[in-house]
Amino acid sequence: MKLCVALVLAAASGACASNPFSTSVVSYFPGSNPVPGYTNPNSALGEPTRYTGVGVFPSAVTPFNPPFLSSEVVSIGVGGSLTLRFDQPVTNDPQNPFGIDLLVFGNAFYNDSSYPLGIVDGIVSAGRGQVDVSADGTHWFTVPGLPADAEFPTLGYSDLTDPYALDPGSVLSDFTRPVDPAFSAMGKTFAQLVAAYNGSGGGSGIDFASTGLSAIQFVRIINPLTSSVTVEIDAVSDVSSVPTPGACVVLGAAALLVSRRRR
């Protein structure tokens, strides 16, 4: 009986304790003319920025208000690249929401010509950067047609009502949950954006099934020599499969149930 409980608890612990964000920088080549002062690649490690501008102009990160400090994003100039490593494999999982395996967070944001109402009439700094993936850090495969920084811009909190909120929210968005790629933000209000994000923290959704890899552990973001702009990256994230986060609760409850039945 003790072995059964131990196995269930171990499964629960593994499901809940894994780190979904990149943990180390393998290499960084700034390229030509990265944004001055934004060349610390460690800024791309860990989870995306929820609250930006501390000490300068503090405010919540929303699709209209992206992270902007040099400690929050790293810039990749023309011809440059950033290679990040996860401490565990990121799988090509068909159970992931919308088939998306990986999320890339940058500092693209929605344009608001109705400021400060928060109505989307375009997106700024999106569609930039080539995404390459690798299982071993040596053999690389490009994910075609999916730029590193595109829709959907980061949303730090799921309970905000002000697109330019100065205070953080109380409900954290989920940075391992993608937005439905079929959603079109054009003309939408901030309230409609929050509803459509449905608890997600946004990010550019990457499905690497086309590479033929079943799992990867390295992500490389390249700003091609043909580019005329820079690419800014905040974080990369492994997408959680469905169900989440309830799986951890279920596993834990199963352990309790086994224990009680055997008493």
Protein backbone atom coordinates (compact mmCIF):
# COMPACT_ATOMS: atom_id res chain seq x y z
CA MET A 1 0.00 0.00 0.00
CA LYS A 2 2.78 2.42 0.91
CA LEU A 3 4.35 1.83 -2.51
CA CYS A 4 1.09 2.78 -4.27
CA VAL A 5 0.80 6.00 -2.28
CA ALA A 6 4.45 6.80 -2.91
CA LEU A 7 4.06 6.33 -6.66
CA VAL A 8 0.98 8.55 -6.82
CA LEU A 9 2.65 11.23 -4.72
CA ALA A 10 5.77 11.06 -6.88
CA ALA A 11 3.65 11.53 -10.01
CA ALA A 12 1.89 14.50 -8.44
CA SER A 13 5.19 16.03 -7.39
CA GLY A 14 6.68 15.63 -10.87
CA ALA A 15 3.60 17.12 -12.54
CA CYS A 16 3.61 20.17 -10.30
CA ALA A 17 7.30 20.85 -9.72
CA SER A 18 8.65 21.00 -13.27
CA ASN A 19 9.92 24.34 -14.53
CA PRO A 20 8.14 25.36 -17.76
CA PHE A 21 10.52 28.25 -18.56
CA SER A 22 14.01 28.33 -20.04
CA THR A 23 16.69 28.08 -17.38
CA SER A 24 19.98 28.85 -19.11
CA VAL A 25 21.51 30.85 -21.95
CA VAL A 26 23.55 28.68 -24.31
CA SER A 27 24.71 31.55 -26.52
CA TYR A 28 23.90 35.12 -27.45
CA PHE A 29 25.15 37.02 -30.46
CA PRO A 30 23.82 40.60 -30.34
CA GLY A 31 24.09 41.09 -34.08
CA SER A 32 24.16 44.49 -35.73
CA ASN A 33 22.69 47.43 -33.85
CA PRO A 34 20.72 45.80 -31.02
CA VAL A 35 18.87 48.29 -28.83
CA PRO A 36 21.60 49.92 -26.67
CA GLY A 37 21.55 48.70 -23.08
CA TYR A 38 19.30 45.74 -23.89
CA THR A 39 22.02 43.14 -24.38
CA ASN A 40 21.74 41.02 -21.24
CA PRO A 41 20.55 37.59 -22.45
CA ASN A 42 19.66 36.50 -18.91
CA SER A 43 16.67 38.83 -19.22
CA ALA A 44 15.06 36.08 -21.30
CA LEU A 45 15.24 33.45 -18.55
CA GLY A 46 12.41 32.54 -16.20
CA GLU A 47 8.81 33.57 -16.55
CA PRO A 48 7.60 36.54 -18.61
CA THR A 49 7.25 39.96 -17.02
CA ARG A 50 3.94 40.61 -15.26
CA TYR A 51 4.71 44.04 -13.82
CA THR A 52 7.05 46.41 -15.62
CA GLY A 53 8.88 49.68 -15.08
CA VAL A 54 9.59 49.37 -11.37
CA GLY A 55 11.61 52.41 -10.32
CA VAL A 56 10.77 54.27 -13.54
CA PHE A 57 7.10 54.05 -14.45
CA PRO A 58 5.59 51.02 -12.70
CA SER A 59 2.55 49.45 -14.32
CA ALA A 60 0.94 46.12 -15.09
CA VAL A 61 1.90 44.36 -18.31
CA THR A 62 -1.05 44.23 -20.70
CA PRO A 63 -1.39 43.78 -24.47
CA PHE A 64 -1.30 47.60 -24.67
CA ASN A 65 1.57 48.05 -22.20
CA PRO A 66 4.53 45.70 -22.83
CA PRO A 67 7.61 45.13 -20.66
CA PHE A 68 10.22 47.78 -21.44
CA LEU A 69 13.12 47.61 -18.96
CA SER A 70 16.54 46.26 -19.97
CA SER A 71 16.25 43.74 -17.13
CA GLU A 72 13.06 42.38 -18.70
CA VAL A 73 13.83 41.94 -22.40
CA VAL A 74 16.92 41.28 -24.50
CA SER A 75 17.43 42.75 -27.97
CA ILE A 76 18.68 40.77 -30.96
CA GLY A 77 20.13 42.90 -33.73
CA VAL A 78 20.24 42.05 -37.43
CA GLY A 79 22.19 38.82 -37.96
CA GLY A 80 22.11 38.04 -34.24
CA SER A 81 20.72 35.10 -32.30
CA LEU A 82 19.73 33.95 -28.82
CA THR A 83 19.85 30.28 -27.81
CA LEU A 84 18.07 29.13 -24.66
CA ARG A 85 17.86 25.77 -22.91
CA PHE A 86 15.10 24.14 -20.88
CA ASP A 87 16.04 21.88 -17.99
CA GLN A 88 13.63 19.24 -19.30
CA PRO A 89 12.32 18.22 -22.73
CA VAL A 90 9.47 20.17 -24.31
CA THR A 91 7.31 17.58 -26.08
CA ASN A 92 5.27 17.78 -29.24
CA ASP A 93 2.09 16.89 -27.34
CA PRO A 94 -1.23 16.51 -29.22
CA GLN A 95 -3.04 17.09 -25.93
CA ASN A 96 -1.67 20.62 -25.68
CA PRO A 97 -4.32 23.32 -26.24
CA PHE A 98 -4.67 23.99 -29.99
CA GLY A 99 -1.67 21.71 -30.61
CA ILE A 100 0.74 24.45 -29.49
CA ASP A 101 3.96 23.26 -27.85
CA LEU A 102 5.93 26.39 -27.07
CA LEU A 103 5.21 30.04 -26.28
CA VAL A 104 7.56 32.94 -27.02
CA PHE A 105 7.06 36.23 -25.23
CA GLY A 106 8.44 39.48 -26.61
CA ASN A 107 7.41 43.11 -26.27
CA ALA A 108 5.00 43.50 -29.16
CA PHE A 109 1.86 45.40 -28.21
CA TYR A 110 -1.48 46.43 -29.61
CA ASN A 111 -1.89 49.95 -30.93
CA ASP A 112 -4.66 51.95 -29.28
CA SER A 113 -5.76 54.91 -31.41
CA SER A 114 -8.62 55.39 -28.94
CA TYR A 115 -6.23 55.83 -25.99
CA PRO A 116 -6.88 55.35 -23.13
CA LEU A 117 -9.95 53.24 -23.97
CA GLY A 118 -7.92 50.24 -25.09
CA ILE A 119 -9.34 49.32 -28.49
CA VAL A 120 -7.12 47.33 -30.84
CA ASP A 121 -6.44 48.87 -34.24
CA GLY A 122 -3.15 47.17 -35.03
CA ILE A 123 -0.08 45.58 -33.52
CA VAL A 124 3.38 47.12 -33.10
CA SER A 125 6.75 45.31 -33.31
CA ALA A 126 5.18 41.96 -34.21
CA GLY A 127 6.14 39.33 -36.80
CA ARG A 128 9.83 39.36 -35.97
CA GLY A 129 12.43 36.64 -35.53
CA GLN A 130 12.95 33.11 -36.82
CA VAL A 131 12.37 30.21 -34.41
CA ASP A 132 14.70 27.18 -34.54
CA VAL A 133 14.39 24.16 -32.24
CA SER A 134 16.73 21.32 -31.33
CA ALA A 135 16.68 18.20 -29.20
CA ASP A 136 20.45 18.14 -28.60
CA GLY A 137 21.68 21.68 -29.24
CA THR A 138 23.58 20.53 -32.34
CA HIS A 139 21.01 19.59 -34.96
CA TRP A 140 18.63 22.47 -35.64
CA PHE A 141 15.28 22.70 -37.40
CA THR A 142 13.46 25.89 -38.38
CA VAL A 143 9.77 26.19 -37.54
CA PRO A 144 8.42 27.75 -40.76
CA GLY A 145 5.93 30.59 -40.84
CA LEU A 146 5.86 31.25 -37.10
CA PRO A 147 7.74 34.38 -35.99
CA ALA A 148 9.13 34.60 -32.48
CA ASP A 149 7.37 37.80 -31.50
CA ALA A 150 3.84 38.09 -32.85
CA GLU A 151 0.36 37.88 -31.48
CA PHE A 152 -0.60 37.62 -28.69
CA PRO A 153 1.06 40.31 -26.51
CA THR A 154 1.61 39.52 -22.85
CA LEU A 155 -1.14 39.86 -20.25
CA GLY A 156 0.20 39.65 -16.70
CA TYR A 157 -3.08 39.42 -14.80
CA SER A 158 -6.48 38.03 -15.72
CA ASP A 159 -8.59 40.33 -13.54
CA LEU A 160 -7.51 43.74 -14.89
CA THR A 161 -10.14 46.13 -16.23
CA ASP A 162 -7.81 49.02 -17.10
CA PRO A 163 -5.51 48.46 -20.12
CA TYR A 164 -3.02 50.86 -18.54
CA ALA A 165 -3.35 49.74 -14.90
CA LEU A 166 -0.73 51.14 -12.57
CA ASP A 167 -1.38 48.49 -9.93
CA PRO A 168 -0.93 44.73 -10.38
CA GLY A 169 -3.95 42.50 -10.52
CA SER A 170 -4.71 39.76 -8.01
CA VAL A 171 -5.27 36.88 -10.47
CA LEU A 172 -2.11 35.71 -12.20
CA SER A 173 -2.46 34.75 -15.84
CA ASP A 174 -1.11 31.37 -16.97
CA PHE A 175 2.09 31.65 -19.01
CA THR A 176 1.87 27.99 -20.05
CA ARG A 177 -1.57 28.36 -21.63
CA PRO A 178 -1.89 29.66 -25.21
CA VAL A 179 -4.57 31.92 -26.66
CA ASP A 180 -6.81 30.37 -29.30
CA PRO A 181 -4.89 31.14 -32.53
CA ALA A 182 -8.20 31.60 -34.35
CA PHE A 183 -8.99 34.68 -32.26
CA SER A 184 -8.68 38.02 -34.07
CA ALA A 185 -7.94 40.97 -31.82
CA MET A 186 -8.66 43.70 -34.36
CA GLY A 187 -11.32 46.11 -33.13
CA LYS A 188 -11.64 44.38 -29.78
CA THR A 189 -11.81 46.19 -26.46
CA PHE A 190 -9.56 45.38 -23.54
CA ALA A 191 -12.40 43.56 -21.81
CA GLN A 192 -12.90 41.42 -24.90
CA LEU A 193 -9.18 40.68 -25.05
CA VAL A 194 -9.11 39.52 -21.43
CA ALA A 195 -12.13 37.31 -22.05
CA ALA A 196 -10.61 35.81 -25.21
CA TYR A 197 -7.28 35.16 -23.50
CA ASN A 198 -9.34 33.00 -21.11
CA GLY A 199 -6.75 32.91 -18.35
CA SER A 200 -3.77 32.81 -20.71
CA GLY A 201 -0.83 35.18 -20.41
CA GLY A 202 -0.54 35.41 -24.19
CA GLY A 203 2.60 34.73 -26.21
CA SER A 204 3.36 33.59 -29.74
CA GLY A 205 2.22 29.99 -30.13
CA ILE A 206 4.74 27.61 -31.72
CA ASP A 207 3.83 24.11 -32.91
CA PHE A 208 7.04 22.37 -33.95
CA ALA A 209 5.36 19.22 -35.30
CA SER A 210 6.50 20.16 -38.82
CA THR A 211 10.13 19.61 -37.78
CA GLY A 212 9.49 15.92 -37.15
CA LEU A 213 10.90 16.18 -33.61
CA SER A 214 8.98 14.52 -30.79
CA ALA A 215 10.68 16.68 -28.17
CA ILE A 216 13.13 19.57 -27.97
CA GLN A 217 15.25 21.09 -25.22
CA PHE A 218 16.80 24.07 -27.03
CA VAL A 219 15.25 27.11 -28.70
CA ARG A 220 17.18 29.49 -30.93
CA ILE A 221 15.74 32.82 -32.03
CA ILE A 222 17.45 34.36 -35.05
CA ASN A 223 17.13 37.84 -36.49
CA PRO A 224 17.97 37.19 -40.18
CA LEU A 225 20.48 39.26 -42.13
CA THR A 226 17.59 40.26 -44.39
CA SER A 227 15.84 41.94 -41.45
CA SER A 228 15.76 45.70 -40.97
CA VAL A 229 14.51 45.67 -37.37
CA THR A 230 15.52 44.28 -33.98
CA VAL A 231 13.85 41.42 -32.11
CA GLU A 232 13.13 41.73 -28.38
CA ILE A 233 12.57 38.61 -26.27
CA ASP A 234 11.24 38.36 -22.73
CA ALA A 235 10.82 34.60 -22.17
CA VAL A 236 9.98 31.20 -23.65
CA SER A 237 7.61 28.70 -22.09
CA ASP A 238 6.62 25.04 -22.38
CA VAL A 239 2.86 24.70 -22.93
CA SER A 240 1.01 22.61 -20.36
CA SER A 241 -1.07 19.74 -21.67
CA VAL A 242 -4.74 19.39 -20.82
CA PRO A 243 -5.89 19.12 -18.08
CA THR A 244 -3.98 21.78 -16.16
CA PRO A 245 -3.58 22.76 -13.38
CA GLY A 246 -6.23 20.34 -12.12
CA ALA A 247 -4.05 17.29 -12.80
CA CYS A 248 -1.92 18.12 -9.77
CA VAL A 249 -5.00 18.40 -7.58
CA VAL A 250 -6.41 15.11 -8.90
CA LEU A 251 -3.16 13.26 -8.31
CA GLY A 252 -2.92 14.61 -4.81
CA ALA A 253 -6.53 13.68 -4.09
CA ALA A 254 -5.90 10.20 -5.45
CA ALA A 255 -3.05 9.77 -3.00
CA LEU A 256 -5.30 10.77 -0.10
CA LEU A 257 -8.06 8.45 -1.29
CA VAL A 258 -5.68 5.46 -1.53
CA SER A 259 -4.34 6.22 1.91
CA ARG A 260 -7.78 6.49 3.52
CA ARG A 261 -9.10 3.31 1.91
CA ARG A 262 -6.16 1.32 3.27
CA ARG A 263 -6.42 2.52 6.86
